[in-house]
């Protein structure tokens, strides 16, 4: 995978959270590399949009689980990211070939 940028978009962060399937806040925070404030904002938004739901596991341990709606969104995000990645790879290859041709013209 060719990745020229280091920062993730919000959509990529959402996809990373949804890919976990089921996790506690701590697991999400460390797995997805979020600060606590970022975690709170993303989880709150995903709950409000019904992409995650709360599940109680054991004594007071709250876990967050991806919903069917969240799985559908994840599939759609992955499809778009794959399309963009293929387009980016094609553009990089085209630019490489174009720069080589310019070198031979001189």
PDB file of N, CA and C in Angstrom:
ATOM      1  N   UNK A   1       0.846  -1.175   0.000  1.00  0.00           N
ATOM      2  CA  UNK A   1       0.000   0.000   0.000  1.00  0.00           C
ATOM      3  C   UNK A   1       0.885   1.228   0.000  1.00  0.00           C
ATOM      4  N   UNK A   2       0.683   2.110  -0.941  1.00  0.00           N
ATOM      5  CA  UNK A   2       1.436   3.341  -1.041  1.00  0.00           C
ATOM      6  C   UNK A   2       0.708   4.407  -0.251  1.00  0.00           C
ATOM      7  N   UNK A   3       1.353   4.934   0.761  1.00  0.00           N
ATOM      8  CA  UNK A   3       0.715   5.924   1.611  1.00  0.00           C
ATOM      9  C   UNK A   3       1.659   7.105   1.709  1.00  0.00           C
ATOM     10  N   UNK A   4       1.287   8.223   1.115  1.00  0.00           N
ATOM     11  CA  UNK A   4       2.153   9.386   1.099  1.00  0.00           C
ATOM     12  C   UNK A   4       1.915  10.309   2.286  1.00  0.00           C
ATOM     13  N   UNK A   5       0.771  10.199   2.918  1.00  0.00           N
ATOM     14  CA  UNK A   5       0.440  11.071   4.029  1.00  0.00           C
ATOM     15  C   UNK A   5       0.508  10.302   5.344  1.00  0.00           C
ATOM     16  N   UNK A   6       0.920  10.983   6.403  1.00  0.00           N
ATOM     17  CA  UNK A   6       1.022  10.340   7.713  1.00  0.00           C
ATOM     18  C   UNK A   6      -0.256  10.496   8.526  1.00  0.00           C
ATOM     19  N   UNK A   7      -0.930  11.612   8.382  1.00  0.00           N
ATOM     20  CA  UNK A   7      -2.131  11.865   9.165  1.00  0.00           C
ATOM     21  C   UNK A   7      -3.322  11.138   8.569  1.00  0.00           C
ATOM     22  N   UNK A   8      -4.165  10.624   9.459  1.00  0.00           N
ATOM     23  CA  UNK A   8      -5.374   9.942   9.004  1.00  0.00           C
ATOM     24  C   UNK A   8      -6.530  10.927   8.947  1.00  0.00           C
ATOM     25  N   UNK A   9      -7.436  10.673   8.049  1.00  0.00           N
ATOM     26  CA  UNK A   9      -8.662  11.464   7.994  1.00  0.00           C
ATOM     27  C   UNK A   9      -9.603  10.950   9.079  1.00  0.00           C
ATOM     28  N   UNK A  10     -10.621  11.733   9.366  1.00  0.00           N
ATOM     29  CA  UNK A  10     -11.638  11.298  10.326  1.00  0.00           C
ATOM     30  C   UNK A  10     -12.303  10.008   9.873  1.00  0.00           C
ATOM     31  N   UNK A  11     -12.485   9.873   8.574  1.00  0.00           N
ATOM     32  CA  UNK A  11     -13.112   8.661   8.042  1.00  0.00           C
ATOM     33  C   UNK A  11     -12.236   7.446   8.319  1.00  0.00           C
ATOM     34  N   UNK A  12     -10.922   7.602   8.166  1.00  0.00           N
ATOM     35  CA  UNK A  12     -10.014   6.488   8.449  1.00  0.00           C
ATOM     36  C   UNK A  12     -10.013   6.135   9.929  1.00  0.00           C
ATOM     37  N   UNK A  13     -10.125   7.141  10.796  1.00  0.00           N
ATOM     38  CA  UNK A  13     -10.194   6.879  12.238  1.00  0.00           C
ATOM     39  C   UNK A  13     -11.473   6.120  12.565  1.00  0.00           C
ATOM     40  N   UNK A  14     -12.580   6.558  11.997  1.00  0.00           N
ATOM     41  CA  UNK A  14     -13.861   5.867  12.214  1.00  0.00           C
ATOM     42  C   UNK A  14     -13.742   4.415  11.756  1.00  0.00           C
ATOM     43  N   UNK A  15     -13.169   4.200  10.586  1.00  0.00           N
ATOM     44  CA  UNK A  15     -13.012   2.833  10.077  1.00  0.00           C
ATOM     45  C   UNK A  15     -12.144   2.004  11.020  1.00  0.00           C
ATOM     46  N   UNK A  16     -11.066   2.583  11.535  1.00  0.00           N
ATOM     47  CA  UNK A  16     -10.199   1.853  12.464  1.00  0.00           C
ATOM     48  C   UNK A  16     -10.952   1.451  13.732  1.00  0.00           C
ATOM     49  N   UNK A  17     -11.811   2.335  14.224  1.00  0.00           N
ATOM     50  CA  UNK A  17     -12.611   2.017  15.415  1.00  0.00           C
ATOM     51  C   UNK A  17     -13.593   0.894  15.092  1.00  0.00           C
ATOM     52  N   UNK A  18     -14.287   1.010  13.987  1.00  0.00           N
ATOM     53  CA  UNK A  18     -15.289   0.002  13.617  1.00  0.00           C
ATOM     54  C   UNK A  18     -14.647  -1.357  13.356  1.00  0.00           C
ATOM     55  N   UNK A  19     -13.431  -1.369  12.833  1.00  0.00           N
ATOM     56  CA  UNK A  19     -12.738  -2.634  12.556  1.00  0.00           C
ATOM     57  C   UNK A  19     -12.467  -3.438  13.826  1.00  0.00           C
ATOM     58  N   UNK A  20     -12.428  -2.774  14.966  1.00  0.00           N
ATOM     59  CA  UNK A  20     -12.162  -3.488  16.223  1.00  0.00           C
ATOM     60  C   UNK A  20     -13.300  -4.442  16.581  1.00  0.00           C
ATOM     61  N   UNK A  21     -14.491  -4.169  16.098  1.00  0.00           N
ATOM     62  CA  UNK A  21     -15.622  -5.057  16.386  1.00  0.00           C
ATOM     63  C   UNK A  21     -16.221  -4.792  17.746  1.00  0.00           C
ATOM     64  N   UNK A  22     -15.498  -5.152  18.779  1.00  0.00           N
ATOM     65  CA  UNK A  22     -15.942  -4.897  20.153  1.00  0.00           C
ATOM     66  C   UNK A  22     -14.719  -4.601  21.000  1.00  0.00           C
ATOM     67  N   UNK A  23     -14.802  -3.517  21.783  1.00  0.00           N
ATOM     68  CA  UNK A  23     -13.642  -3.130  22.587  1.00  0.00           C
ATOM     69  C   UNK A  23     -14.057  -2.152  23.679  1.00  0.00           C
ATOM     70  N   UNK A  24     -13.237  -2.068  24.699  1.00  0.00           N
ATOM     71  CA  UNK A  24     -13.439  -1.074  25.751  1.00  0.00           C
ATOM     72  C   UNK A  24     -12.855   0.253  25.277  1.00  0.00           C
ATOM     73  N   UNK A  25     -13.129   1.328  26.020  1.00  0.00           N
ATOM     74  CA  UNK A  25     -12.560   2.630  25.658  1.00  0.00           C
ATOM     75  C   UNK A  25     -11.037   2.567  25.633  1.00  0.00           C
ATOM     76  N   UNK A  26     -10.460   1.903  26.608  1.00  0.00           N
ATOM     77  CA  UNK A  26      -8.996   1.808  26.681  1.00  0.00           C
ATOM     78  C   UNK A  26      -8.439   1.072  25.473  1.00  0.00           C
ATOM     79  N   UNK A  27      -9.082  -0.040  25.106  1.00  0.00           N
ATOM     80  CA  UNK A  27      -8.635  -0.803  23.935  1.00  0.00           C
ATOM     81  C   UNK A  27      -8.736   0.034  22.661  1.00  0.00           C
ATOM     82  N   UNK A  28      -9.829   0.781  22.533  1.00  0.00           N
ATOM     83  CA  UNK A  28      -9.992   1.639  21.354  1.00  0.00           C
ATOM     84  C   UNK A  28      -8.901   2.702  21.334  1.00  0.00           C
ATOM     85  N   UNK A  29      -8.707   3.358  22.469  1.00  0.00           N
ATOM     86  CA  UNK A  29      -7.743   4.449  22.554  1.00  0.00           C
ATOM     87  C   UNK A  29      -6.341   3.997  22.140  1.00  0.00           C
ATOM     88  N   UNK A  30      -5.899   2.865  22.661  1.00  0.00           N
ATOM     89  CA  UNK A  30      -4.550   2.391  22.353  1.00  0.00           C
ATOM     90  C   UNK A  30      -4.448   1.741  20.972  1.00  0.00           C
ATOM     91  N   UNK A  31      -5.472   1.017  20.563  1.00  0.00           N
ATOM     92  CA  UNK A  31      -5.423   0.351  19.257  1.00  0.00           C
ATOM     93  C   UNK A  31      -5.478   1.341  18.101  1.00  0.00           C
ATOM     94  N   UNK A  32      -6.257   2.398  18.278  1.00  0.00           N
ATOM     95  CA  UNK A  32      -6.473   3.363  17.202  1.00  0.00           C
ATOM     96  C   UNK A  32      -5.566   4.592  17.364  1.00  0.00           C
ATOM     97  N   UNK A  33      -4.829   4.647  18.462  1.00  0.00           N
ATOM     98  CA  UNK A  33      -3.882   5.741  18.729  1.00  0.00           C
ATOM     99  C   UNK A  33      -4.587   7.089  18.821  1.00  0.00           C
ATOM    100  N   UNK A  34      -5.506   7.191  19.792  1.00  0.00           N
ATOM    101  CA  UNK A  34      -6.251   8.418  20.019  1.00  0.00           C
ATOM    102  C   UNK A  34      -5.957   8.956  21.408  1.00  0.00           C
ATOM    103  N   UNK A  35      -6.039  10.253  21.565  1.00  0.00           N
ATOM    104  CA  UNK A  35      -6.002  10.832  22.906  1.00  0.00           C
ATOM    105  C   UNK A  35      -7.355  10.564  23.562  1.00  0.00           C
ATOM    106  N   UNK A  36      -7.440  10.777  24.865  1.00  0.00           N
ATOM    107  CA  UNK A  36      -8.699  10.527  25.552  1.00  0.00           C
ATOM    108  C   UNK A  36      -9.800  11.460  25.033  1.00  0.00           C
ATOM    109  N   UNK A  37      -9.459  12.718  24.785  1.00  0.00           N
ATOM    110  CA  UNK A  37     -10.465  13.660  24.261  1.00  0.00           C
ATOM    111  C   UNK A  37     -10.946  13.250  22.873  1.00  0.00           C
ATOM    112  N   UNK A  38     -10.037  12.824  22.017  1.00  0.00           N
ATOM    113  CA  UNK A  38     -10.438  12.342  20.692  1.00  0.00           C
ATOM    114  C   UNK A  38     -11.334  11.121  20.819  1.00  0.00           C
ATOM    115  N   UNK A  39     -10.944  10.204  21.688  1.00  0.00           N
ATOM    116  CA  UNK A  39     -11.730   8.991  21.922  1.00  0.00           C
ATOM    117  C   UNK A  39     -13.153   9.340  22.319  1.00  0.00           C
ATOM    118  N   UNK A  40     -13.302  10.236  23.279  1.00  0.00           N
ATOM    119  CA  UNK A  40     -14.637  10.622  23.758  1.00  0.00           C
ATOM    120  C   UNK A  40     -15.484  11.196  22.625  1.00  0.00           C
ATOM    121  N   UNK A  41     -14.885  12.055  21.799  1.00  0.00           N
ATOM    122  CA  UNK A  41     -15.633  12.662  20.690  1.00  0.00           C
ATOM    123  C   UNK A  41     -16.065  11.616  19.664  1.00  0.00           C
ATOM    124  N   UNK A  42     -15.121  10.738  19.281  1.00  0.00           N
ATOM    125  CA  UNK A  42     -15.455   9.723  18.271  1.00  0.00           C
ATOM    126  C   UNK A  42     -16.497   8.736  18.792  1.00  0.00           C
ATOM    127  N   UNK A  43     -16.307   8.229  19.989  1.00  0.00           N
ATOM    128  CA  UNK A  43     -17.262   7.242  20.534  1.00  0.00           C
ATOM    129  C   UNK A  43     -18.637   7.869  20.688  1.00  0.00           C
ATOM    130  N   UNK A  44     -18.684   9.092  21.178  1.00  0.00           N
ATOM    131  CA  UNK A  44     -19.964   9.782  21.336  1.00  0.00           C
ATOM    132  C   UNK A  44     -20.670   9.930  19.993  1.00  0.00           C
ATOM    133  N   UNK A  45     -19.943  10.339  18.972  1.00  0.00           N
ATOM    134  CA  UNK A  45     -20.521  10.516  17.639  1.00  0.00           C
ATOM    135  C   UNK A  45     -20.983   9.179  17.064  1.00  0.00           C
ATOM    136  N   UNK A  46     -20.169   8.138  17.230  1.00  0.00           N
ATOM    137  CA  UNK A  46     -20.531   6.825  16.678  1.00  0.00           C
ATOM    138  C   UNK A  46     -21.740   6.228  17.389  1.00  0.00           C
ATOM    139  N   UNK A  47     -21.859   6.477  18.691  1.00  0.00           N
ATOM    140  CA  UNK A  47     -23.056   6.032  19.428  1.00  0.00           C
ATOM    141  C   UNK A  47     -24.288   6.782  18.939  1.00  0.00           C
ATOM    142  N   UNK A  48     -24.159   8.097  18.786  1.00  0.00           N
ATOM    143  CA  UNK A  48     -25.277   8.928  18.349  1.00  0.00           C
ATOM    144  C   UNK A  48     -25.760   8.518  16.955  1.00  0.00           C
ATOM    145  N   UNK A  49     -24.830   8.136  16.084  1.00  0.00           N
ATOM    146  CA  UNK A  49     -25.180   7.718  14.725  1.00  0.00           C
ATOM    147  C   UNK A  49     -25.570   6.239  14.642  1.00  0.00           C
ATOM    148  N   UNK A  50     -25.561   5.566  15.794  1.00  0.00           N
ATOM    149  CA  UNK A  50     -25.909   4.148  15.905  1.00  0.00           C
ATOM    150  C   UNK A  50     -24.981   3.254  15.096  1.00  0.00           C
ATOM    151  N   UNK A  51     -23.705   3.648  15.035  1.00  0.00           N
ATOM    152  CA  UNK A  51     -22.684   2.835  14.394  1.00  0.00           C
ATOM    153  C   UNK A  51     -21.998   1.941  15.416  1.00  0.00           C
ATOM    154  N   UNK A  52     -22.084   2.336  16.682  1.00  0.00           N
ATOM    155  CA  UNK A  52     -21.628   1.540  17.828  1.00  0.00           C
ATOM    156  C   UNK A  52     -22.768   1.461  18.817  1.00  0.00           C
ATOM    157  N   UNK A  53     -22.776   0.403  19.635  1.00  0.00           N
ATOM    158  CA  UNK A  53     -23.668   0.376  20.782  1.00  0.00           C
ATOM    159  C   UNK A  53     -22.879  -0.093  21.992  1.00  0.00           C
ATOM    160  N   UNK A  54     -23.445   0.171  23.171  1.00  0.00           N
ATOM    161  CA  UNK A  54     -22.799  -0.197  24.427  1.00  0.00           C
ATOM    162  C   UNK A  54     -23.192  -1.606  24.816  1.00  0.00           C
ATOM    163  N   UNK A  55     -22.213  -2.341  25.322  1.00  0.00           N
ATOM    164  CA  UNK A  55     -22.466  -3.682  25.847  1.00  0.00           C
ATOM    165  C   UNK A  55     -21.769  -3.770  27.196  1.00  0.00           C
ATOM    166  N   UNK A  56     -22.488  -4.214  28.216  1.00  0.00           N
ATOM    167  CA  UNK A  56     -21.891  -4.355  29.543  1.00  0.00           C
ATOM    168  C   UNK A  56     -21.329  -5.762  29.661  1.00  0.00           C
ATOM    169  N   UNK A  57     -20.057  -5.836  30.033  1.00  0.00           N
ATOM    170  CA  UNK A  57     -19.381  -7.128  30.199  1.00  0.00           C
ATOM    171  C   UNK A  57     -18.868  -7.211  31.625  1.00  0.00           C
ATOM    172  N   UNK A  58     -19.394  -8.142  32.392  1.00  0.00           N
ATOM    173  CA  UNK A  58     -18.940  -8.292  33.772  1.00  0.00           C
ATOM    174  C   UNK A  58     -19.418  -7.153  34.651  1.00  0.00           C
ATOM    175  N   UNK A  59     -18.652  -6.875  35.690  1.00  0.00           N
ATOM    176  CA  UNK A  59     -19.003  -5.821  36.643  1.00  0.00           C
ATOM    177  C   UNK A  59     -18.622  -4.451  36.089  1.00  0.00           C
ATOM    178  N   UNK A  60     -19.612  -3.741  35.581  1.00  0.00           N
ATOM    179  CA  UNK A  60     -19.480  -2.352  35.150  1.00  0.00           C
ATOM    180  C   UNK A  60     -18.546  -2.106  33.975  1.00  0.00           C
ATOM    181  N   UNK A  61     -17.930  -3.122  33.410  1.00  0.00           N
ATOM    182  CA  UNK A  61     -17.047  -2.906  32.271  1.00  0.00           C
ATOM    183  C   UNK A  61     -17.901  -2.670  31.026  1.00  0.00           C
ATOM    184  N   UNK A  62     -17.788  -1.474  30.489  1.00  0.00           N
ATOM    185  CA  UNK A  62     -18.554  -1.132  29.296  1.00  0.00           C
ATOM    186  C   UNK A  62     -17.682  -1.357  28.070  1.00  0.00           C
ATOM    187  N   UNK A  63     -18.250  -2.080  27.136  1.00  0.00           N
ATOM    188  CA  UNK A  63     -17.565  -2.323  25.873  1.00  0.00           C
ATOM    189  C   UNK A  63     -18.431  -1.728  24.770  1.00  0.00           C
ATOM    190  N   UNK A  64     -17.801  -1.392  23.686  1.00  0.00           N
ATOM    191  CA  UNK A  64     -18.503  -0.809  22.548  1.00  0.00           C
ATOM    192  C   UNK A  64     -18.430  -1.792  21.395  1.00  0.00           C
ATOM    193  N   UNK A  65     -19.578  -2.039  20.792  1.00  0.00           N
ATOM    194  CA  UNK A  65     -19.692  -3.058  19.756  1.00  0.00           C
ATOM    195  C   UNK A  65     -20.217  -2.417  18.476  1.00  0.00           C
ATOM    196  N   UNK A  66     -19.613  -2.784  17.355  1.00  0.00           N
ATOM    197  CA  UNK A  66     -20.065  -2.265  16.062  1.00  0.00           C
ATOM    198  C   UNK A  66     -21.440  -2.842  15.744  1.00  0.00           C
ATOM    199  N   UNK A  67     -22.320  -2.001  15.213  1.00  0.00           N
ATOM    200  CA  UNK A  67     -23.674  -2.423  14.841  1.00  0.00           C
ATOM    201  C   UNK A  67     -23.698  -2.847  13.373  1.00  0.00           C
ATOM    202  N   UNK A  68     -24.824  -3.384  12.943  1.00  0.00           N
ATOM    203  CA  UNK A  68     -24.966  -3.744  11.515  1.00  0.00           C
ATOM    204  C   UNK A  68     -24.790  -2.506  10.635  1.00  0.00           C
ATOM    205  N   UNK A  69     -25.353  -1.401  11.096  1.00  0.00           N
ATOM    206  CA  UNK A  69     -25.210  -0.141  10.363  1.00  0.00           C
ATOM    207  C   UNK A  69     -23.731   0.250  10.289  1.00  0.00           C
ATOM    208  N   UNK A  70     -23.001   0.025  11.390  1.00  0.00           N
ATOM    209  CA  UNK A  70     -21.572   0.315  11.413  1.00  0.00           C
ATOM    210  C   UNK A  70     -20.784  -0.585  10.473  1.00  0.00           C
ATOM    211  N   UNK A  71     -21.164  -1.858  10.406  1.00  0.00           N
ATOM    212  CA  UNK A  71     -20.497  -2.788   9.488  1.00  0.00           C
ATOM    213  C   UNK A  71     -20.728  -2.397   8.034  1.00  0.00           C
ATOM    214  N   UNK A  72     -21.945  -1.951   7.727  1.00  0.00           N
ATOM    215  CA  UNK A  72     -22.233  -1.507   6.360  1.00  0.00           C
ATOM    216  C   UNK A  72     -21.377  -0.296   6.019  1.00  0.00           C
ATOM    217  N   UNK A  73     -21.306   0.659   6.940  1.00  0.00           N
ATOM    218  CA  UNK A  73     -20.476   1.842   6.705  1.00  0.00           C
ATOM    219  C   UNK A  73     -19.014   1.450   6.524  1.00  0.00           C
ATOM    220  N   UNK A  74     -18.525   0.531   7.326  1.00  0.00           N
ATOM    221  CA  UNK A  74     -17.139   0.081   7.222  1.00  0.00           C
ATOM    222  C   UNK A  74     -16.865  -0.526   5.848  1.00  0.00           C
ATOM    223  N   UNK A  75     -17.776  -1.343   5.359  1.00  0.00           N
ATOM    224  CA  UNK A  75     -17.607  -1.917   4.013  1.00  0.00           C
ATOM    225  C   UNK A  75     -17.550  -0.812   2.963  1.00  0.00           C
ATOM    226  N   UNK A  76     -18.434   0.181   3.105  1.00  0.00           N
ATOM    227  CA  UNK A  76     -18.456   1.290   2.150  1.00  0.00           C
ATOM    228  C   UNK A  76     -17.160   2.108   2.223  1.00  0.00           C
ATOM    229  N   UNK A  77     -16.684   2.381   3.422  1.00  0.00           N
ATOM    230  CA  UNK A  77     -15.428   3.129   3.596  1.00  0.00           C
ATOM    231  C   UNK A  77     -14.278   2.355   2.964  1.00  0.00           C
ATOM    232  N   UNK A  78     -14.206   1.069   3.247  1.00  0.00           N
ATOM    233  CA  UNK A  78     -13.115   0.253   2.692  1.00  0.00           C
ATOM    234  C   UNK A  78     -13.146   0.252   1.165  1.00  0.00           C
ATOM    235  N   UNK A  79     -14.340   0.199   0.598  1.00  0.00           N
ATOM    236  CA  UNK A  79     -14.467   0.233  -0.865  1.00  0.00           C
ATOM    237  C   UNK A  79     -13.926   1.551  -1.419  1.00  0.00           C
ATOM    238  N   UNK A  80     -14.316   2.652  -0.806  1.00  0.00           N
ATOM    239  CA  UNK A  80     -13.858   3.966  -1.274  1.00  0.00           C
ATOM    240  C   UNK A  80     -12.349   4.104  -1.098  1.00  0.00           C
ATOM    241  N   UNK A  81     -11.826   3.694   0.047  1.00  0.00           N
ATOM    242  CA  UNK A  81     -10.383   3.796   0.285  1.00  0.00           C
ATOM    243  C   UNK A  81      -9.596   2.949  -0.719  1.00  0.00           C
ATOM    244  N   UNK A  82     -10.102   1.765  -1.044  1.00  0.00           N
ATOM    245  CA  UNK A  82      -9.450   0.923  -2.046  1.00  0.00           C
ATOM    246  C   UNK A  82      -9.455   1.598  -3.411  1.00  0.00           C
ATOM    247  N   UNK A  83     -10.558   2.220  -3.751  1.00  0.00           N
ATOM    248  CA  UNK A  83     -10.650   2.917  -5.036  1.00  0.00           C
ATOM    249  C   UNK A  83      -9.673   4.088  -5.084  1.00  0.00           C
ATOM    250  N   UNK A  84      -9.602   4.845  -4.000  1.00  0.00           N
ATOM    251  CA  UNK A  84      -8.681   5.982  -3.953  1.00  0.00           C
ATOM    252  C   UNK A  84      -7.234   5.524  -3.992  1.00  0.00           C
ATOM    253  N   UNK A  85      -6.953   4.432  -3.305  1.00  0.00           N
ATOM    254  CA  UNK A  85      -5.593   3.897  -3.302  1.00  0.00           C
ATOM    255  C   UNK A  85      -5.186   3.444  -4.696  1.00  0.00           C
ATOM    256  N   UNK A  86      -6.091   2.790  -5.400  1.00  0.00           N
ATOM    257  CA  UNK A  86      -5.801   2.345  -6.770  1.00  0.00           C
ATOM    258  C   UNK A  86      -5.574   3.552  -7.671  1.00  0.00           C
ATOM    259  N   UNK A  87      -6.386   4.582  -7.496  1.00  0.00           N
ATOM    260  CA  UNK A  87      -6.246   5.806  -8.293  1.00  0.00           C
ATOM    261  C   UNK A  87      -4.909   6.472  -7.983  1.00  0.00           C
ATOM    262  N   UNK A  88      -4.551   6.531  -6.697  1.00  0.00           N
ATOM    263  CA  UNK A  88      -3.284   7.150  -6.284  1.00  0.00           C
ATOM    264  C   UNK A  88      -2.108   6.380  -6.872  1.00  0.00           C
ATOM    265  N   UNK A  89      -2.153   5.066  -6.834  1.00  0.00           N
ATOM    266  CA  UNK A  89      -1.077   4.243  -7.386  1.00  0.00           C
ATOM    267  C   UNK A  89      -0.935   4.478  -8.885  1.00  0.00           C
ATOM    268  N   UNK A  90      -2.070   4.579  -9.576  1.00  0.00           N
ATOM    269  CA  UNK A  90      -2.052   4.832 -11.011  1.00  0.00           C
ATOM    270  C   UNK A  90      -1.443   6.198 -11.301  1.00  0.00           C
ATOM    271  N   UNK A  91      -1.808   7.210 -10.527  1.00  0.00           N
ATOM    272  CA  UNK A  91      -1.267   8.555 -10.729  1.00  0.00           C
ATOM    273  C   UNK A  91       0.226   8.599 -10.464  1.00  0.00           C
ATOM    274  N   UNK A  92       0.690   7.941  -9.420  1.00  0.00           N
ATOM    275  CA  UNK A  92       2.112   7.923  -9.097  1.00  0.00           C
ATOM    276  C   UNK A  92       2.877   7.245 -10.222  1.00  0.00           C
ATOM    277  N   UNK A  93       2.359   6.128 -10.718  1.00  0.00           N
ATOM    278  CA  UNK A  93       3.014   5.409 -11.811  1.00  0.00           C
ATOM    279  C   UNK A  93       3.054   6.286 -13.059  1.00  0.00           C
ATOM    280  N   UNK A  94       1.960   6.977 -13.349  1.00  0.00           N
ATOM    281  CA  UNK A  94       1.898   7.857 -14.519  1.00  0.00           C
ATOM    282  C   UNK A  94       2.916   8.994 -14.374  1.00  0.00           C
ATOM    283  N   UNK A  95       2.993   9.598 -13.192  1.00  0.00           N
ATOM    284  CA  UNK A  95       3.953  10.683 -12.962  1.00  0.00           C
ATOM    285  C   UNK A  95       5.385  10.182 -13.114  1.00  0.00           C
ATOM    286  N   UNK A  96       5.659   8.989 -12.633  1.00  0.00           N
ATOM    287  CA  UNK A  96       6.994   8.405 -12.739  1.00  0.00           C
ATOM    288  C   UNK A  96       7.369   8.218 -14.210  1.00  0.00           C
ATOM    289  N   UNK A  97       6.470   7.623 -14.965  1.00  0.00           N
ATOM    290  CA  UNK A  97       6.729   7.397 -16.389  1.00  0.00           C
ATOM    291  C   UNK A  97       6.890   8.711 -17.141  1.00  0.00           C
ATOM    292  N   UNK A  98       6.083   9.697 -16.796  1.00  0.00           N
ATOM    293  CA  UNK A  98       6.146  11.007 -17.444  1.00  0.00           C
ATOM    294  C   UNK A  98       7.486  11.698 -17.144  1.00  0.00           C
ATOM    295  N   UNK A  99       7.953  11.607 -15.903  1.00  0.00           N
ATOM    296  CA  UNK A  99       9.227  12.246 -15.536  1.00  0.00           C
ATOM    297  C   UNK A  99      10.389  11.533 -16.218  1.00  0.00           C
ATOM    298  N   UNK A 100      10.308  10.219 -16.387  1.00  0.00           N
ATOM    299  CA  UNK A 100      11.366   9.481 -17.090  1.00  0.00           C
ATOM    300  C   UNK A 100      11.412   9.865 -18.554  1.00  0.00           C
ATOM    301  N   UNK A 101      10.225  10.034 -19.159  1.00  0.00           N
ATOM    302  CA  UNK A 101      10.168  10.423 -20.570  1.00  0.00           C
ATOM    303  C   UNK A 101      10.773  11.807 -20.758  1.00  0.00           C
ATOM    304  N   UNK A 102      10.511  12.707 -19.827  1.00  0.00           N
ATOM    305  CA  UNK A 102      11.063  14.067 -19.916  1.00  0.00           C
ATOM    306  C   UNK A 102      12.583  14.034 -19.810  1.00  0.00           C
ATOM    307  N   UNK A 103      13.121  13.107 -19.018  1.00  0.00           N
ATOM    308  CA  UNK A 103      14.566  12.978 -18.869  1.00  0.00           C
ATOM    309  C   UNK A 103      15.203  12.560 -20.182  1.00  0.00           C
ATOM    310  N   UNK A 104      14.561  11.672 -20.909  1.00  0.00           N
ATOM    311  CA  UNK A 104      15.100  11.191 -22.184  1.00  0.00           C
ATOM    312  C   UNK A 104      14.972  12.226 -23.312  1.00  0.00           C
ATOM    313  N   UNK A 105      14.016  13.146 -23.156  1.00  0.00           N
ATOM    314  CA  UNK A 105      13.830  14.186 -24.173  1.00  0.00           C
ATOM    315  C   UNK A 105      14.956  15.205 -24.153  1.00  0.00           C
ATOM    316  N   UNK A 106      15.623  15.349 -23.025  1.00  0.00           N
ATOM    317  CA  UNK A 106      16.676  16.380 -22.896  1.00  0.00           C
ATOM    318  C   UNK A 106      17.970  15.950 -23.448  1.00  0.00           C
TER     319      UNK A 106
END
